[in-house]
Amino acid sequence: MTTVITYGTFDLLHWGHIRLLERAAAFGDQLIVGLSTDEFNAVKHKEAYHSYEHRKYILEAIRYVDKVIPETDWDQKIRDVQKYHADVFVMGDDWAGKFDFLKPYCKVIYLPRTKGISTTKIKTDLSEEEQEAIVKNENED
């Protein structure tokens, strides 16, 4: 059995996330997702809209995901690869080269990002829509 592992926050889940999970799962028989905890996101100066528990619940409902584990620190990846006997480590290519230190333990693959979608884009678009609504409401008053 070939085990694949990936990591992320997976907040405001969108089709780019699903596509990444689908492509990652295709490299093996089992996909494990290391999901950043709320506490770890705080260390990364990143705030998720959904709590860890809710993001985990959503990921567990996706057919490509076999197991979700908490990601609590930067240094756990080697331990996780060894603990779960991961054969393949997959991340988006925005992280290219950052996880090459795992190559002695497993195959490392960086997948191209899905063009036209990202959590940052969603947040920006929503923020712009909110700002437009505020201006519209002010003009109506």
N, C-alpha and C. Protein backbone atom coordinates (compact mmCIF):
# COMPACT_ATOMS: atom_id res chain seq x y z
N MET A 1 0.84 -1.18 0.00
CA MET A 1 0.00 0.00 0.00
C MET A 1 0.88 1.24 0.00
N THR A 2 0.59 2.17 -0.88
CA THR A 2 1.33 3.42 -0.98
C THR A 2 0.58 4.50 -0.22
N THR A 3 1.27 5.13 0.74
CA THR A 3 0.66 6.18 1.56
C THR A 3 1.19 7.54 1.13
N VAL A 4 0.27 8.47 0.93
CA VAL A 4 0.58 9.84 0.54
C VAL A 4 0.20 10.75 1.70
N ILE A 5 1.02 11.78 1.94
CA ILE A 5 0.72 12.73 3.00
C ILE A 5 0.85 14.15 2.46
N THR A 6 -0.03 15.02 2.90
CA THR A 6 0.02 16.44 2.55
C THR A 6 -0.39 17.24 3.78
N TYR A 7 -0.18 18.54 3.72
CA TYR A 7 -0.48 19.42 4.85
C TYR A 7 -1.13 20.69 4.37
N GLY A 8 -1.89 21.32 5.27
CA GLY A 8 -2.46 22.62 4.95
C GLY A 8 -3.46 23.06 5.99
N THR A 9 -3.96 24.27 5.80
CA THR A 9 -4.99 24.83 6.68
C THR A 9 -6.37 24.48 6.16
N PHE A 10 -6.53 24.44 4.84
CA PHE A 10 -7.79 24.06 4.19
C PHE A 10 -8.98 24.82 4.76
N ASP A 11 -8.82 26.14 4.82
CA ASP A 11 -9.90 27.01 5.28
C ASP A 11 -10.63 27.54 4.05
N LEU A 12 -11.89 27.85 4.19
CA LEU A 12 -12.72 28.30 3.08
C LEU A 12 -12.51 27.38 1.88
N LEU A 13 -12.78 26.12 2.12
CA LEU A 13 -12.53 25.06 1.14
C LEU A 13 -13.13 25.41 -0.21
N HIS A 14 -12.34 25.24 -1.26
CA HIS A 14 -12.78 25.57 -2.62
C HIS A 14 -12.29 24.49 -3.58
N TRP A 15 -12.66 24.63 -4.84
CA TRP A 15 -12.36 23.58 -5.82
C TRP A 15 -10.86 23.40 -6.04
N GLY A 16 -10.05 24.40 -5.79
CA GLY A 16 -8.61 24.23 -5.88
C GLY A 16 -8.09 23.27 -4.82
N HIS A 17 -8.67 23.36 -3.61
CA HIS A 17 -8.32 22.42 -2.55
C HIS A 17 -8.70 20.99 -2.94
N ILE A 18 -9.93 20.85 -3.44
CA ILE A 18 -10.41 19.52 -3.82
C ILE A 18 -9.53 18.95 -4.92
N ARG A 19 -9.17 19.78 -5.87
CA ARG A 19 -8.31 19.32 -6.97
C ARG A 19 -6.94 18.88 -6.44
N LEU A 20 -6.37 19.62 -5.49
CA LEU A 20 -5.09 19.23 -4.89
C LEU A 20 -5.22 17.88 -4.19
N LEU A 21 -6.30 17.70 -3.42
CA LEU A 21 -6.51 16.43 -2.71
C LEU A 21 -6.71 15.28 -3.69
N GLU A 22 -7.45 15.52 -4.74
CA GLU A 22 -7.67 14.49 -5.77
C GLU A 22 -6.35 14.09 -6.42
N ARG A 23 -5.56 15.09 -6.81
CA ARG A 23 -4.28 14.79 -7.48
C ARG A 23 -3.30 14.12 -6.52
N ALA A 24 -3.29 14.56 -5.25
CA ALA A 24 -2.41 13.93 -4.26
C ALA A 24 -2.80 12.48 -4.04
N ALA A 25 -4.09 12.23 -3.91
CA ALA A 25 -4.58 10.86 -3.67
C ALA A 25 -4.22 9.92 -4.82
N ALA A 26 -4.11 10.46 -6.02
CA ALA A 26 -3.81 9.64 -7.20
C ALA A 26 -2.39 9.05 -7.15
N PHE A 27 -1.53 9.57 -6.27
CA PHE A 27 -0.17 9.05 -6.16
C PHE A 27 -0.07 7.81 -5.27
N GLY A 28 -1.19 7.41 -4.65
CA GLY A 28 -1.11 6.25 -3.76
C GLY A 28 -2.46 5.63 -3.49
N ASP A 29 -2.48 4.80 -2.45
CA ASP A 29 -3.69 4.09 -2.05
C ASP A 29 -4.38 4.74 -0.87
N GLN A 30 -3.65 5.56 -0.14
CA GLN A 30 -4.18 6.19 1.07
C GLN A 30 -3.65 7.61 1.16
N LEU A 31 -4.55 8.57 1.44
CA LEU A 31 -4.14 9.97 1.60
C LEU A 31 -4.36 10.41 3.04
N ILE A 32 -3.28 10.88 3.66
CA ILE A 32 -3.34 11.46 5.00
C ILE A 32 -3.15 12.96 4.86
N VAL A 33 -4.00 13.73 5.54
CA VAL A 33 -3.90 15.18 5.52
C VAL A 33 -3.51 15.68 6.91
N GLY A 34 -2.37 16.35 6.97
CA GLY A 34 -1.97 17.04 8.19
C GLY A 34 -2.63 18.40 8.19
N LEU A 35 -3.57 18.61 9.09
CA LEU A 35 -4.38 19.82 9.14
C LEU A 35 -3.86 20.75 10.23
N SER A 36 -3.48 21.96 9.84
CA SER A 36 -2.95 22.92 10.81
C SER A 36 -3.99 23.22 11.89
N THR A 37 -3.56 23.09 13.14
CA THR A 37 -4.44 23.41 14.26
C THR A 37 -4.58 24.93 14.37
N ASP A 38 -5.57 25.38 15.12
CA ASP A 38 -5.77 26.81 15.33
C ASP A 38 -4.54 27.41 16.02
N GLU A 39 -3.97 26.67 16.96
CA GLU A 39 -2.80 27.15 17.70
C GLU A 39 -1.59 27.29 16.77
N PHE A 40 -1.40 26.31 15.87
CA PHE A 40 -0.29 26.39 14.93
C PHE A 40 -0.50 27.52 13.94
N ASN A 41 -1.73 27.72 13.50
CA ASN A 41 -2.02 28.85 12.62
C ASN A 41 -1.66 30.17 13.29
N ALA A 42 -1.91 30.29 14.58
CA ALA A 42 -1.55 31.51 15.31
C ALA A 42 -0.04 31.73 15.28
N VAL A 43 0.73 30.65 15.42
CA VAL A 43 2.19 30.74 15.34
C VAL A 43 2.61 31.24 13.95
N LYS A 44 1.87 30.81 12.92
CA LYS A 44 2.17 31.19 11.53
C LYS A 44 1.57 32.57 11.20
N HIS A 45 0.93 33.22 12.17
CA HIS A 45 0.26 34.51 11.97
C HIS A 45 -0.83 34.40 10.90
N LYS A 46 -1.56 33.30 10.99
CA LYS A 46 -2.62 32.99 10.03
C LYS A 46 -3.88 32.71 10.84
N GLU A 47 -4.98 33.32 10.44
CA GLU A 47 -6.24 33.08 11.15
C GLU A 47 -7.24 32.43 10.20
N ALA A 48 -7.70 31.27 10.57
CA ALA A 48 -8.69 30.57 9.77
C ALA A 48 -10.09 31.05 10.14
N TYR A 49 -10.96 31.06 9.18
CA TYR A 49 -12.37 31.41 9.43
C TYR A 49 -13.04 30.30 10.23
N HIS A 50 -12.80 29.04 9.81
CA HIS A 50 -13.39 27.88 10.47
C HIS A 50 -12.43 27.31 11.51
N SER A 51 -12.97 26.77 12.57
CA SER A 51 -12.14 26.15 13.60
C SER A 51 -11.51 24.86 13.08
N TYR A 52 -10.49 24.41 13.79
CA TYR A 52 -9.83 23.14 13.43
C TYR A 52 -10.87 22.02 13.36
N GLU A 53 -11.74 21.93 14.34
CA GLU A 53 -12.73 20.84 14.39
C GLU A 53 -13.64 20.87 13.16
N HIS A 54 -14.06 22.06 12.75
CA HIS A 54 -14.93 22.17 11.58
C HIS A 54 -14.18 21.87 10.29
N ARG A 55 -12.94 22.34 10.18
CA ARG A 55 -12.14 22.05 8.98
C ARG A 55 -11.86 20.55 8.89
N LYS A 56 -11.61 19.92 10.03
CA LYS A 56 -11.37 18.47 10.07
C LYS A 56 -12.63 17.72 9.62
N TYR A 57 -13.77 18.13 10.12
CA TYR A 57 -15.05 17.52 9.77
C TYR A 57 -15.29 17.59 8.25
N ILE A 58 -15.00 18.75 7.67
CA ILE A 58 -15.18 18.93 6.23
C ILE A 58 -14.22 18.02 5.46
N LEU A 59 -12.94 18.01 5.85
CA LEU A 59 -11.96 17.17 5.14
C LEU A 59 -12.30 15.69 5.23
N GLU A 60 -12.77 15.26 6.38
CA GLU A 60 -13.11 13.84 6.55
C GLU A 60 -14.28 13.41 5.66
N ALA A 61 -15.06 14.37 5.20
CA ALA A 61 -16.20 14.06 4.33
C ALA A 61 -15.80 13.95 2.87
N ILE A 62 -14.56 14.30 2.55
CA ILE A 62 -14.10 14.27 1.16
C ILE A 62 -13.59 12.87 0.82
N ARG A 63 -14.05 12.33 -0.28
CA ARG A 63 -13.75 10.94 -0.63
C ARG A 63 -12.28 10.66 -0.87
N TYR A 64 -11.49 11.67 -1.18
CA TYR A 64 -10.07 11.45 -1.45
C TYR A 64 -9.25 11.34 -0.16
N VAL A 65 -9.81 11.79 0.96
CA VAL A 65 -9.09 11.85 2.23
C VAL A 65 -9.41 10.62 3.08
N ASP A 66 -8.35 9.90 3.48
CA ASP A 66 -8.53 8.70 4.30
C ASP A 66 -8.33 8.96 5.78
N LYS A 67 -7.50 9.95 6.12
CA LYS A 67 -7.20 10.22 7.52
C LYS A 67 -6.78 11.68 7.65
N VAL A 68 -7.22 12.32 8.73
CA VAL A 68 -6.81 13.69 9.04
C VAL A 68 -6.09 13.66 10.38
N ILE A 69 -4.89 14.25 10.40
CA ILE A 69 -4.10 14.33 11.63
C ILE A 69 -3.81 15.80 11.94
N PRO A 70 -3.63 16.15 13.20
CA PRO A 70 -3.32 17.55 13.53
C PRO A 70 -1.88 17.90 13.18
N GLU A 71 -1.71 19.05 12.56
CA GLU A 71 -0.37 19.62 12.35
C GLU A 71 -0.18 20.68 13.42
N THR A 72 0.77 20.44 14.31
CA THR A 72 0.95 21.32 15.47
C THR A 72 2.25 22.12 15.44
N ASP A 73 3.20 21.73 14.57
CA ASP A 73 4.46 22.48 14.48
C ASP A 73 5.16 22.18 13.16
N TRP A 74 6.12 23.03 12.81
CA TRP A 74 6.86 22.90 11.55
C TRP A 74 7.67 21.62 11.50
N ASP A 75 8.16 21.16 12.64
CA ASP A 75 9.13 20.07 12.67
C ASP A 75 8.54 18.67 12.70
N GLN A 76 7.25 18.52 12.67
CA GLN A 76 6.66 17.19 12.82
C GLN A 76 6.64 16.37 11.54
N LYS A 77 6.95 16.96 10.41
CA LYS A 77 6.78 16.26 9.14
C LYS A 77 7.62 14.99 9.04
N ILE A 78 8.89 15.04 9.45
CA ILE A 78 9.71 13.83 9.40
C ILE A 78 9.10 12.77 10.31
N ARG A 79 8.68 13.17 11.50
CA ARG A 79 8.06 12.22 12.44
C ARG A 79 6.80 11.60 11.84
N ASP A 80 5.97 12.42 11.20
CA ASP A 80 4.73 11.91 10.59
C ASP A 80 5.02 10.96 9.44
N VAL A 81 5.98 11.32 8.59
CA VAL A 81 6.34 10.45 7.46
C VAL A 81 6.76 9.09 7.99
N GLN A 82 7.55 9.08 9.06
CA GLN A 82 8.01 7.82 9.64
C GLN A 82 6.87 7.09 10.36
N LYS A 83 6.10 7.82 11.15
CA LYS A 83 5.02 7.20 11.93
C LYS A 83 3.96 6.55 11.04
N TYR A 84 3.59 7.23 9.96
CA TYR A 84 2.52 6.74 9.09
C TYR A 84 3.06 6.00 7.86
N HIS A 85 4.37 5.81 7.81
CA HIS A 85 5.02 5.09 6.71
C HIS A 85 4.65 5.70 5.36
N ALA A 86 4.69 7.04 5.30
CA ALA A 86 4.34 7.74 4.07
C ALA A 86 5.41 7.49 3.01
N ASP A 87 4.96 7.18 1.82
CA ASP A 87 5.84 6.95 0.68
C ASP A 87 6.02 8.21 -0.16
N VAL A 88 4.98 9.06 -0.12
CA VAL A 88 4.96 10.26 -0.97
C VAL A 88 4.48 11.45 -0.14
N PHE A 89 5.18 12.56 -0.28
CA PHE A 89 4.80 13.83 0.35
C PHE A 89 4.42 14.78 -0.78
N VAL A 90 3.23 15.39 -0.69
CA VAL A 90 2.73 16.26 -1.76
C VAL A 90 2.38 17.62 -1.17
N MET A 91 2.84 18.68 -1.88
CA MET A 91 2.46 20.05 -1.52
C MET A 91 2.29 20.85 -2.81
N GLY A 92 1.64 21.99 -2.69
CA GLY A 92 1.52 22.90 -3.82
C GLY A 92 2.88 23.48 -4.19
N ASP A 93 3.04 23.85 -5.45
CA ASP A 93 4.34 24.32 -5.91
C ASP A 93 4.73 25.70 -5.39
N ASP A 94 3.81 26.36 -4.67
CA ASP A 94 4.20 27.60 -4.00
C ASP A 94 5.18 27.30 -2.86
N TRP A 95 5.32 26.04 -2.49
CA TRP A 95 6.25 25.58 -1.46
C TRP A 95 7.47 24.89 -2.08
N ALA A 96 7.65 24.98 -3.38
CA ALA A 96 8.72 24.26 -4.08
C ALA A 96 10.07 24.43 -3.38
N GLY A 97 10.71 23.30 -3.10
CA GLY A 97 12.03 23.28 -2.48
C GLY A 97 12.02 23.33 -0.97
N LYS A 98 10.94 23.80 -0.37
CA LYS A 98 10.90 23.99 1.09
C LYS A 98 10.88 22.68 1.87
N PHE A 99 10.45 21.60 1.22
CA PHE A 99 10.35 20.32 1.92
C PHE A 99 11.27 19.26 1.33
N ASP A 100 12.28 19.71 0.63
CA ASP A 100 13.23 18.77 0.04
C ASP A 100 13.99 17.98 1.12
N PHE A 101 14.00 18.49 2.35
CA PHE A 101 14.66 17.77 3.45
C PHE A 101 13.99 16.42 3.73
N LEU A 102 12.79 16.22 3.17
CA LEU A 102 12.09 14.94 3.35
C LEU A 102 12.51 13.88 2.33
N LYS A 103 13.27 14.26 1.33
CA LYS A 103 13.64 13.33 0.26
C LYS A 103 14.37 12.07 0.74
N PRO A 104 15.15 12.12 1.82
CA PRO A 104 15.74 10.87 2.31
C PRO A 104 14.70 9.89 2.90
N TYR A 105 13.49 10.40 3.19
CA TYR A 105 12.46 9.60 3.85
C TYR A 105 11.34 9.15 2.91
N CYS A 106 11.08 9.95 1.87
CA CYS A 106 9.97 9.65 0.95
C CYS A 106 10.14 10.46 -0.32
N LYS A 107 9.32 10.16 -1.30
CA LYS A 107 9.30 10.94 -2.54
C LYS A 107 8.60 12.27 -2.25
N VAL A 108 9.13 13.38 -2.76
CA VAL A 108 8.54 14.70 -2.55
C VAL A 108 8.06 15.24 -3.89
N ILE A 109 6.79 15.62 -3.94
CA ILE A 109 6.18 16.11 -5.17
C ILE A 109 5.53 17.47 -4.90
N TYR A 110 5.82 18.44 -5.76
CA TYR A 110 5.18 19.76 -5.68
C TYR A 110 4.24 19.89 -6.88
N LEU A 111 2.97 20.05 -6.60
CA LEU A 111 1.96 20.14 -7.67
C LEU A 111 1.66 21.60 -8.01
N PRO A 112 1.45 21.89 -9.29
CA PRO A 112 1.07 23.25 -9.67
C PRO A 112 -0.26 23.65 -9.01
N ARG A 113 -0.30 24.91 -8.61
CA ARG A 113 -1.55 25.43 -8.02
C ARG A 113 -2.64 25.51 -9.08
N THR A 114 -3.87 25.42 -8.65
CA THR A 114 -5.01 25.59 -9.55
C THR A 114 -5.15 27.08 -9.84
N LYS A 115 -5.09 27.43 -11.10
CA LYS A 115 -5.15 28.84 -11.49
C LYS A 115 -6.55 29.41 -11.28
N GLY A 116 -6.59 30.66 -10.84
CA GLY A 116 -7.84 31.39 -10.75
C GLY A 116 -8.58 31.26 -9.43
N ILE A 117 -8.03 30.47 -8.48
CA ILE A 117 -8.72 30.31 -7.20
C ILE A 117 -7.69 30.16 -6.08
N SER A 118 -8.00 30.78 -4.95
CA SER A 118 -7.20 30.62 -3.73
C SER A 118 -8.02 31.17 -2.58
N THR A 119 -7.68 30.76 -1.39
CA THR A 119 -8.37 31.29 -0.21
C THR A 119 -8.15 32.80 -0.12
N THR A 120 -6.95 33.25 -0.43
CA THR A 120 -6.65 34.68 -0.40
C THR A 120 -7.54 35.43 -1.38
N LYS A 121 -7.74 34.87 -2.58
CA LYS A 121 -8.61 35.51 -3.58
C LYS A 121 -10.05 35.59 -3.06
N ILE A 122 -10.52 34.53 -2.46
CA ILE A 122 -11.89 34.53 -1.92
C ILE A 122 -12.03 35.61 -0.86
N LYS A 123 -11.07 35.67 0.07
CA LYS A 123 -11.13 36.69 1.13
C LYS A 123 -11.08 38.09 0.55
N THR A 124 -10.24 38.31 -0.46
CA THR A 124 -10.13 39.62 -1.10
C THR A 124 -11.44 39.97 -1.80
N ASP A 125 -11.99 39.03 -2.56
CA ASP A 125 -13.25 39.26 -3.27
C ASP A 125 -14.37 39.58 -2.29
N LEU A 126 -14.45 38.82 -1.21
CA LEU A 126 -15.51 39.05 -0.22
C LEU A 126 -15.33 40.41 0.45
N SER A 127 -14.10 40.77 0.73
CA SER A 127 -13.82 42.06 1.35
C SER A 127 -14.23 43.20 0.41
N GLU A 128 -13.93 43.06 -0.89
CA GLU A 128 -14.31 44.08 -1.86
C GLU A 128 -15.83 44.20 -1.97
N GLU A 129 -16.53 43.05 -1.96
CA GLU A 129 -17.99 43.06 -2.03
C GLU A 129 -18.57 43.73 -0.78
N GLU A 130 -17.98 43.45 0.38
CA GLU A 130 -18.44 44.05 1.63
C GLU A 130 -18.24 45.56 1.59
N GLN A 131 -17.09 45.99 1.09
CA GLN A 131 -16.82 47.43 1.00
C GLN A 131 -17.79 48.10 0.05
N GLU A 132 -18.10 47.45 -1.09
CA GLU A 132 -19.06 48.00 -2.03
C GLU A 132 -20.45 48.11 -1.41
N ALA A 133 -20.83 47.10 -0.62
CA ALA A 133 -22.15 47.13 0.04
C ALA A 133 -22.22 48.26 1.05
N ILE A 134 -21.15 48.51 1.76
CA ILE A 134 -21.12 49.60 2.74
C ILE A 134 -21.30 50.94 2.03
N VAL A 135 -20.56 51.13 0.93
CA VAL A 135 -20.67 52.37 0.17
C VAL A 135 -22.09 52.53 -0.36
N LYS A 136 -22.66 51.45 -0.87
CA LYS A 136 -24.03 51.49 -1.41
C LYS A 136 -25.01 51.89 -0.32
N ASN A 137 -24.87 51.29 0.86
CA ASN A 137 -25.76 51.61 1.99
C ASN A 137 -25.60 53.05 2.44
N GLU A 138 -24.37 53.56 2.44
CA GLU A 138 -24.14 54.94 2.84
C GLU A 138 -24.76 55.91 1.84
N ASN A 139 -24.70 55.55 0.55
CA ASN A 139 -25.29 56.40 -0.47
C ASN A 139 -26.82 56.40 -0.42
N GLU A 140 -27.41 55.32 0.08
CA GLU A 140 -28.86 55.23 0.19
C GLU A 140 -29.38 56.01 1.38
N ASP A 141 -28.53 56.22 2.39
CA ASP A 141 -28.98 56.91 3.62
C ASP A 141 -29.12 58.38 3.44
